[in-house]
């Protein structure tokens, strides 16, 4: 075994211990928060309660919307993937232009389609929630992807909506992580048998994440609108 292989092995072991360390520290430093104990009442039940300052969450209030803004932090390797996705997208445009000019056959277009899927996958690496907006009859989740692009998920109010969350597992962490993020799951049940489940990643800690999940449950139970189904916008 060469010296370089030994050093690589030691670096890998140190990286594992470092990851375990930041994971445990984050779990201890940011305990689960209760929604009512770390907020004050707002003017209407369907709105977000006013978060305590220690949560470091920005609340925006308007006539028809109550919106929590969430910081978005892309990791270094995620940025590299996104840049590669943009390069792949440019290559796709060039490739299809070339294929059209040359009147290429089906196999060539199939190869181009594979590059389309590759660019889309790379551009979506590290997508994270940037805001959650509550309305009387629905909620809207804004997700940032490809560094500066956004997409929106709209869920109409229903008692069959379920919200759960948990800290990112230790297997999801990399050396870029200063602390584990938080995964939000929105579940919509149909006819008490079928369901859809969407996983959303947030650049926040366990205290902030548990507070947001409890707030979404509070909105579901107090908004007062009982009809509708979940759709994507």
C-alpha atoms as a PDB file:
ATOM      1  CA  UNK A   1       0.000   0.000   0.000  1.00  0.00           C
ATOM      2  CA  UNK A   2       1.413   3.365  -1.052  1.00  0.00           C
ATOM      3  CA  UNK A   3       1.650   6.470   1.117  1.00  0.00           C
ATOM      4  CA  UNK A   4      -0.917   8.261  -1.047  1.00  0.00           C
ATOM      5  CA  UNK A   5      -3.449   5.445  -0.509  1.00  0.00           C
ATOM      6  CA  UNK A   6      -2.870   5.602   3.249  1.00  0.00           C
ATOM      7  CA  UNK A   7      -3.392   9.369   3.253  1.00  0.00           C
ATOM      8  CA  UNK A   8      -6.567   9.008   1.199  1.00  0.00           C
ATOM      9  CA  UNK A   9      -7.876   6.441   3.664  1.00  0.00           C
ATOM     10  CA  UNK A  10      -7.094   8.690   6.630  1.00  0.00           C
ATOM     11  CA  UNK A  11      -8.788  11.636   4.908  1.00  0.00           C
ATOM     12  CA  UNK A  12     -11.894   9.522   4.328  1.00  0.00           C
ATOM     13  CA  UNK A  13     -11.994   8.417   7.986  1.00  0.00           C
ATOM     14  CA  UNK A  14     -11.531  11.995   9.227  1.00  0.00           C
ATOM     15  CA  UNK A  15     -14.304  13.126   6.886  1.00  0.00           C
ATOM     16  CA  UNK A  16     -16.678  10.519   8.337  1.00  0.00           C
ATOM     17  CA  UNK A  17     -15.880  11.548  11.927  1.00  0.00           C
ATOM     18  CA  UNK A  18     -16.322  15.228  11.006  1.00  0.00           C
ATOM     19  CA  UNK A  19     -19.723  14.521   9.441  1.00  0.00           C
ATOM     20  CA  UNK A  20     -20.884  12.560  12.493  1.00  0.00           C
ATOM     21  CA  UNK A  21     -19.675  15.390  14.743  1.00  0.00           C
ATOM     22  CA  UNK A  22     -21.570  18.190  12.990  1.00  0.00           C
ATOM     23  CA  UNK A  23     -24.672  15.981  12.796  1.00  0.00           C
ATOM     24  CA  UNK A  24     -24.719  15.300  16.540  1.00  0.00           C
ATOM     25  CA  UNK A  25     -23.940  18.903  17.431  1.00  0.00           C
ATOM     26  CA  UNK A  26     -26.793  20.174  15.259  1.00  0.00           C
ATOM     27  CA  UNK A  27     -29.309  17.734  16.776  1.00  0.00           C
ATOM     28  CA  UNK A  28     -28.321  18.824  20.307  1.00  0.00           C
ATOM     29  CA  UNK A  29     -28.103  22.545  19.541  1.00  0.00           C
ATOM     30  CA  UNK A  30     -31.465  22.817  17.762  1.00  0.00           C
ATOM     31  CA  UNK A  31     -34.146  20.841  19.621  1.00  0.00           C
ATOM     32  CA  UNK A  32     -37.719  20.396  18.398  1.00  0.00           C
ATOM     33  CA  UNK A  33     -39.778  23.576  18.927  1.00  0.00           C
ATOM     34  CA  UNK A  34     -43.475  23.728  19.758  1.00  0.00           C
ATOM     35  CA  UNK A  35     -45.444  26.074  17.529  1.00  0.00           C
ATOM     36  CA  UNK A  36     -47.418  27.798  20.269  1.00  0.00           C
ATOM     37  CA  UNK A  37     -44.532  28.164  22.712  1.00  0.00           C
ATOM     38  CA  UNK A  38     -42.198  29.873  20.253  1.00  0.00           C
ATOM     39  CA  UNK A  39     -44.630  32.303  18.651  1.00  0.00           C
ATOM     40  CA  UNK A  40     -47.348  34.807  19.428  1.00  0.00           C
ATOM     41  CA  UNK A  41     -50.861  34.943  18.022  1.00  0.00           C
ATOM     42  CA  UNK A  42     -51.571  36.649  14.713  1.00  0.00           C
ATOM     43  CA  UNK A  43     -54.675  38.531  13.611  1.00  0.00           C
ATOM     44  CA  UNK A  44     -56.308  35.488  11.934  1.00  0.00           C
ATOM     45  CA  UNK A  45     -56.002  31.751  12.547  1.00  0.00           C
ATOM     46  CA  UNK A  46     -55.154  30.871   8.933  1.00  0.00           C
ATOM     47  CA  UNK A  47     -52.040  33.063   9.058  1.00  0.00           C
ATOM     48  CA  UNK A  48     -48.638  32.087  10.391  1.00  0.00           C
ATOM     49  CA  UNK A  49     -48.246  32.902  14.060  1.00  0.00           C
ATOM     50  CA  UNK A  50     -45.545  35.500  14.745  1.00  0.00           C
ATOM     51  CA  UNK A  51     -42.276  33.535  15.181  1.00  0.00           C
ATOM     52  CA  UNK A  52     -39.916  34.280  18.059  1.00  0.00           C
ATOM     53  CA  UNK A  53     -36.739  36.154  17.130  1.00  0.00           C
ATOM     54  CA  UNK A  54     -34.575  33.140  17.948  1.00  0.00           C
ATOM     55  CA  UNK A  55     -36.144  31.272  15.022  1.00  0.00           C
ATOM     56  CA  UNK A  56     -34.637  33.796  12.599  1.00  0.00           C
ATOM     57  CA  UNK A  57     -37.511  33.402  10.135  1.00  0.00           C
ATOM     58  CA  UNK A  58     -38.832  36.361   8.121  1.00  0.00           C
ATOM     59  CA  UNK A  59     -42.612  36.752   8.099  1.00  0.00           C
ATOM     60  CA  UNK A  60     -44.311  38.844   5.384  1.00  0.00           C
ATOM     61  CA  UNK A  61     -47.946  39.798   5.887  1.00  0.00           C
ATOM     62  CA  UNK A  62     -50.348  40.965   3.199  1.00  0.00           C
ATOM     63  CA  UNK A  63     -54.110  41.200   2.894  1.00  0.00           C
ATOM     64  CA  UNK A  64     -54.551  37.759   1.346  1.00  0.00           C
ATOM     65  CA  UNK A  65     -51.297  36.004   2.200  1.00  0.00           C
ATOM     66  CA  UNK A  66     -49.056  35.193   5.153  1.00  0.00           C
ATOM     67  CA  UNK A  67     -45.589  34.221   3.910  1.00  0.00           C
ATOM     68  CA  UNK A  68     -42.523  32.828   5.647  1.00  0.00           C
ATOM     69  CA  UNK A  69     -39.279  33.455   3.760  1.00  0.00           C
ATOM     70  CA  UNK A  70     -36.654  30.725   4.086  1.00  0.00           C
ATOM     71  CA  UNK A  71     -32.929  31.169   3.310  1.00  0.00           C
ATOM     72  CA  UNK A  72     -31.539  29.094   0.442  1.00  0.00           C
ATOM     73  CA  UNK A  73     -27.958  27.806   0.558  1.00  0.00           C
ATOM     74  CA  UNK A  74     -26.564  25.794  -2.344  1.00  0.00           C
ATOM     75  CA  UNK A  75     -23.552  23.623  -1.564  1.00  0.00           C
ATOM     76  CA  UNK A  76     -20.370  23.823  -3.628  1.00  0.00           C
ATOM     77  CA  UNK A  77     -20.829  20.443  -5.331  1.00  0.00           C
ATOM     78  CA  UNK A  78     -24.462  21.336  -6.078  1.00  0.00           C
ATOM     79  CA  UNK A  79     -23.347  24.527  -7.823  1.00  0.00           C
ATOM     80  CA  UNK A  80     -20.893  22.491  -9.895  1.00  0.00           C
ATOM     81  CA  UNK A  81     -23.713  20.155 -10.948  1.00  0.00           C
ATOM     82  CA  UNK A  82     -25.936  23.108 -11.856  1.00  0.00           C
ATOM     83  CA  UNK A  83     -23.200  24.739 -13.948  1.00  0.00           C
ATOM     84  CA  UNK A  84     -22.726  21.407 -15.708  1.00  0.00           C
ATOM     85  CA  UNK A  85     -26.483  21.339 -16.298  1.00  0.00           C
ATOM     86  CA  UNK A  86     -26.376  24.729 -18.009  1.00  0.00           C
ATOM     87  CA  UNK A  87     -23.479  23.547 -20.183  1.00  0.00           C
ATOM     88  CA  UNK A  88     -25.429  20.399 -21.064  1.00  0.00           C
ATOM     89  CA  UNK A  89     -28.496  22.511 -21.926  1.00  0.00           C
ATOM     90  CA  UNK A  90     -26.431  24.671 -24.294  1.00  0.00           C
ATOM     91  CA  UNK A  91     -24.986  21.531 -25.843  1.00  0.00           C
ATOM     92  CA  UNK A  92     -28.505  20.160 -26.348  1.00  0.00           C
ATOM     93  CA  UNK A  93     -29.539  23.308 -28.236  1.00  0.00           C
ATOM     94  CA  UNK A  94     -26.419  23.095 -30.415  1.00  0.00           C
ATOM     95  CA  UNK A  95     -26.817  19.343 -30.956  1.00  0.00           C
ATOM     96  CA  UNK A  96     -30.456  19.536 -32.048  1.00  0.00           C
ATOM     97  CA  UNK A  97     -29.660  22.420 -34.382  1.00  0.00           C
ATOM     98  CA  UNK A  98     -26.917  20.318 -35.910  1.00  0.00           C
ATOM     99  CA  UNK A  99     -29.203  17.290 -36.230  1.00  0.00           C
ATOM    100  CA  UNK A 100     -31.910  19.323 -37.972  1.00  0.00           C
ATOM    101  CA  UNK A 101     -29.424  20.748 -40.454  1.00  0.00           C
ATOM    102  CA  UNK A 102     -28.018  17.296 -41.203  1.00  0.00           C
ATOM    103  CA  UNK A 103     -31.481  15.665 -41.320  1.00  0.00           C
ATOM    104  CA  UNK A 104     -30.331  13.052 -38.823  1.00  0.00           C
ATOM    105  CA  UNK A 105     -32.125   9.834 -38.049  1.00  0.00           C
ATOM    106  CA  UNK A 106     -33.911   8.536 -34.945  1.00  0.00           C
ATOM    107  CA  UNK A 107     -30.798   7.171 -33.129  1.00  0.00           C
ATOM    108  CA  UNK A 108     -29.149  10.602 -33.191  1.00  0.00           C
ATOM    109  CA  UNK A 109     -32.281  12.263 -31.791  1.00  0.00           C
ATOM    110  CA  UNK A 110     -32.450   9.610 -29.074  1.00  0.00           C
ATOM    111  CA  UNK A 111     -28.919  10.533 -27.993  1.00  0.00           C
ATOM    112  CA  UNK A 112     -29.986  14.182 -27.897  1.00  0.00           C
ATOM    113  CA  UNK A 113     -32.953  13.221 -25.703  1.00  0.00           C
ATOM    114  CA  UNK A 114     -30.596  11.567 -23.220  1.00  0.00           C
ATOM    115  CA  UNK A 115     -28.694  14.862 -22.946  1.00  0.00           C
ATOM    116  CA  UNK A 116     -32.011  16.642 -22.288  1.00  0.00           C
ATOM    117  CA  UNK A 117     -32.735  14.350 -19.328  1.00  0.00           C
ATOM    118  CA  UNK A 118     -29.153  14.799 -18.093  1.00  0.00           C
ATOM    119  CA  UNK A 119     -29.341  18.606 -18.187  1.00  0.00           C
ATOM    120  CA  UNK A 120     -32.723  18.647 -16.412  1.00  0.00           C
ATOM    121  CA  UNK A 121     -31.430  16.310 -13.690  1.00  0.00           C
ATOM    122  CA  UNK A 122     -28.294  18.395 -13.112  1.00  0.00           C
ATOM    123  CA  UNK A 123     -30.222  21.676 -13.001  1.00  0.00           C
ATOM    124  CA  UNK A 124     -32.462  20.261 -10.269  1.00  0.00           C
ATOM    125  CA  UNK A 125     -29.634  19.201  -7.962  1.00  0.00           C
ATOM    126  CA  UNK A 126     -29.925  20.959  -4.606  1.00  0.00           C
ATOM    127  CA  UNK A 127     -33.416  22.412  -5.162  1.00  0.00           C
ATOM    128  CA  UNK A 128     -34.601  24.052  -1.945  1.00  0.00           C
ATOM    129  CA  UNK A 129     -37.697  25.774  -0.569  1.00  0.00           C
ATOM    130  CA  UNK A 130     -37.441  29.581  -0.484  1.00  0.00           C
ATOM    131  CA  UNK A 131     -40.868  30.457   0.969  1.00  0.00           C
ATOM    132  CA  UNK A 132     -44.135  28.969   2.213  1.00  0.00           C
ATOM    133  CA  UNK A 133     -47.226  31.131   1.681  1.00  0.00           C
ATOM    134  CA  UNK A 134     -50.469  30.528   3.539  1.00  0.00           C
ATOM    135  CA  UNK A 135     -53.835  31.663   2.134  1.00  0.00           C
ATOM    136  CA  UNK A 136     -57.339  31.079   3.433  1.00  0.00           C
ATOM    137  CA  UNK A 137     -58.043  28.277   0.976  1.00  0.00           C
ATOM    138  CA  UNK A 138     -54.606  27.036  -0.117  1.00  0.00           C
ATOM    139  CA  UNK A 139     -50.873  27.140   0.468  1.00  0.00           C
ATOM    140  CA  UNK A 140     -48.078  27.802  -2.017  1.00  0.00           C
ATOM    141  CA  UNK A 141     -44.551  26.456  -1.661  1.00  0.00           C
ATOM    142  CA  UNK A 142     -41.872  28.272  -3.697  1.00  0.00           C
ATOM    143  CA  UNK A 143     -38.798  26.227  -4.565  1.00  0.00           C
ATOM    144  CA  UNK A 144     -35.513  27.620  -5.887  1.00  0.00           C
ATOM    145  CA  UNK A 145     -33.556  25.559  -8.399  1.00  0.00           C
ATOM    146  CA  UNK A 146     -30.749  26.101 -10.910  1.00  0.00           C
ATOM    147  CA  UNK A 147     -29.460  28.951  -8.657  1.00  0.00           C
ATOM    148  CA  UNK A 148     -31.939  31.640  -9.790  1.00  0.00           C
ATOM    149  CA  UNK A 149     -35.025  29.844 -11.151  1.00  0.00           C
ATOM    150  CA  UNK A 150     -38.215  29.135  -9.202  1.00  0.00           C
ATOM    151  CA  UNK A 151     -41.166  26.787  -9.369  1.00  0.00           C
ATOM    152  CA  UNK A 152     -44.311  26.687  -7.265  1.00  0.00           C
ATOM    153  CA  UNK A 153     -46.424  23.940  -5.706  1.00  0.00           C
ATOM    154  CA  UNK A 154     -50.015  24.777  -4.819  1.00  0.00           C
ATOM    155  CA  UNK A 155     -52.053  22.727  -2.350  1.00  0.00           C
ATOM    156  CA  UNK A 156     -55.705  23.475  -1.746  1.00  0.00           C
ATOM    157  CA  UNK A 157     -56.815  23.187   1.842  1.00  0.00           C
ATOM    158  CA  UNK A 158     -57.972  19.765   2.957  1.00  0.00           C
ATOM    159  CA  UNK A 159     -58.076  17.834   6.210  1.00  0.00           C
ATOM    160  CA  UNK A 160     -56.450  14.977   4.295  1.00  0.00           C
ATOM    161  CA  UNK A 161     -53.239  16.964   3.890  1.00  0.00           C
ATOM    162  CA  UNK A 162     -50.433  15.719   6.123  1.00  0.00           C
ATOM    163  CA  UNK A 163     -47.169  17.448   6.999  1.00  0.00           C
ATOM    164  CA  UNK A 164     -44.125  15.752   8.459  1.00  0.00           C
ATOM    165  CA  UNK A 165     -40.451  16.597   8.608  1.00  0.00           C
ATOM    166  CA  UNK A 166     -37.086  15.409   9.819  1.00  0.00           C
ATOM    167  CA  UNK A 167     -33.457  16.441   9.818  1.00  0.00           C
ATOM    168  CA  UNK A 168     -31.424  15.246   6.848  1.00  0.00           C
ATOM    169  CA  UNK A 169     -29.902  11.857   7.589  1.00  0.00           C
ATOM    170  CA  UNK A 170     -26.187  11.517   8.150  1.00  0.00           C
ATOM    171  CA  UNK A 171     -25.940   9.683   4.814  1.00  0.00           C
ATOM    172  CA  UNK A 172     -27.186  12.802   2.998  1.00  0.00           C
ATOM    173  CA  UNK A 173     -24.416  15.010   4.361  1.00  0.00           C
ATOM    174  CA  UNK A 174     -21.189  15.940   2.615  1.00  0.00           C
ATOM    175  CA  UNK A 175     -18.060  17.839   3.669  1.00  0.00           C
ATOM    176  CA  UNK A 176     -19.751  21.018   2.370  1.00  0.00           C
ATOM    177  CA  UNK A 177     -22.421  20.871   5.052  1.00  0.00           C
ATOM    178  CA  UNK A 178     -21.936  23.224   7.978  1.00  0.00           C
ATOM    179  CA  UNK A 179     -25.016  21.603   9.521  1.00  0.00           C
ATOM    180  CA  UNK A 180     -27.699  19.180   8.331  1.00  0.00           C
ATOM    181  CA  UNK A 181     -30.719  20.675   6.584  1.00  0.00           C
ATOM    182  CA  UNK A 182     -34.367  19.754   7.039  1.00  0.00           C
ATOM    183  CA  UNK A 183     -36.664  17.637   4.875  1.00  0.00           C
ATOM    184  CA  UNK A 184     -40.341  18.566   4.633  1.00  0.00           C
ATOM    185  CA  UNK A 185     -42.855  15.984   3.412  1.00  0.00           C
ATOM    186  CA  UNK A 186     -46.293  17.003   2.147  1.00  0.00           C
ATOM    187  CA  UNK A 187     -48.691  14.071   1.846  1.00  0.00           C
ATOM    188  CA  UNK A 188     -52.078  14.224   0.122  1.00  0.00           C
ATOM    189  CA  UNK A 189     -54.464  11.306   0.603  1.00  0.00           C
ATOM    190  CA  UNK A 190     -57.175  10.309  -1.858  1.00  0.00           C
ATOM    191  CA  UNK A 191     -60.164   8.196  -0.844  1.00  0.00           C
ATOM    192  CA  UNK A 192     -58.228   7.146   2.285  1.00  0.00           C
ATOM    193  CA  UNK A 193     -56.290   4.650   0.132  1.00  0.00           C
ATOM    194  CA  UNK A 194     -54.151   6.454  -2.441  1.00  0.00           C
ATOM    195  CA  UNK A 195     -51.694   9.180  -1.644  1.00  0.00           C
ATOM    196  CA  UNK A 196     -48.999  11.407  -3.121  1.00  0.00           C
ATOM    197  CA  UNK A 197     -45.892  12.369  -1.182  1.00  0.00           C
ATOM    198  CA  UNK A 198     -43.555  15.223  -2.028  1.00  0.00           C
ATOM    199  CA  UNK A 199     -40.159  15.688  -0.403  1.00  0.00           C
ATOM    200  CA  UNK A 200     -38.859  19.242  -0.134  1.00  0.00           C
ATOM    201  CA  UNK A 201     -35.446  20.289   1.202  1.00  0.00           C
ATOM    202  CA  UNK A 202     -35.030  23.385   3.395  1.00  0.00           C
ATOM    203  CA  UNK A 203     -31.782  25.100   4.408  1.00  0.00           C
ATOM    204  CA  UNK A 204     -32.842  25.365   8.049  1.00  0.00           C
ATOM    205  CA  UNK A 205     -32.221  23.583  11.341  1.00  0.00           C
ATOM    206  CA  UNK A 206     -34.405  21.193  13.317  1.00  0.00           C
ATOM    207  CA  UNK A 207     -35.900  23.913  15.528  1.00  0.00           C
ATOM    208  CA  UNK A 208     -37.013  25.987  12.534  1.00  0.00           C
ATOM    209  CA  UNK A 209     -38.198  22.936  10.612  1.00  0.00           C
ATOM    210  CA  UNK A 210     -40.275  21.462  13.425  1.00  0.00           C
ATOM    211  CA  UNK A 211     -41.862  24.886  14.004  1.00  0.00           C
ATOM    212  CA  UNK A 212     -42.818  25.191  10.318  1.00  0.00           C
ATOM    213  CA  UNK A 213     -44.315  21.690  10.211  1.00  0.00           C
ATOM    214  CA  UNK A 214     -46.388  22.418  13.305  1.00  0.00           C
ATOM    215  CA  UNK A 215     -47.480  25.708  11.727  1.00  0.00           C
ATOM    216  CA  UNK A 216     -48.671  23.939   8.591  1.00  0.00           C
ATOM    217  CA  UNK A 217     -50.647  21.499  10.721  1.00  0.00           C
ATOM    218  CA  UNK A 218     -52.159  24.418  12.618  1.00  0.00           C
ATOM    219  CA  UNK A 219     -53.174  26.052   9.305  1.00  0.00           C
ATOM    220  CA  UNK A 220     -54.775  22.800   8.143  1.00  0.00           C
ATOM    221  CA  UNK A 221     -56.795  22.503  11.361  1.00  0.00           C
ATOM    222  CA  UNK A 222     -57.805  26.176  11.671  1.00  0.00           C
ATOM    223  CA  UNK A 223     -58.154  27.557   8.155  1.00  0.00           C
ATOM    224  CA  UNK A 224     -61.806  26.549   7.961  1.00  0.00           C
ATOM    225  CA  UNK A 225     -61.843  25.515   4.291  1.00  0.00           C
ATOM    226  CA  UNK A 226     -62.411  21.799   3.893  1.00  0.00           C
ATOM    227  CA  UNK A 227     -62.574  21.198   0.154  1.00  0.00           C
ATOM    228  CA  UNK A 228     -60.025  20.830  -2.607  1.00  0.00           C
ATOM    229  CA  UNK A 229     -57.127  18.694  -3.725  1.00  0.00           C
ATOM    230  CA  UNK A 230     -53.434  19.190  -4.257  1.00  0.00           C
ATOM    231  CA  UNK A 231     -52.163  20.257  -7.641  1.00  0.00           C
ATOM    232  CA  UNK A 232     -48.863  21.497  -8.992  1.00  0.00           C
ATOM    233  CA  UNK A 233     -48.470  24.937 -10.510  1.00  0.00           C
END
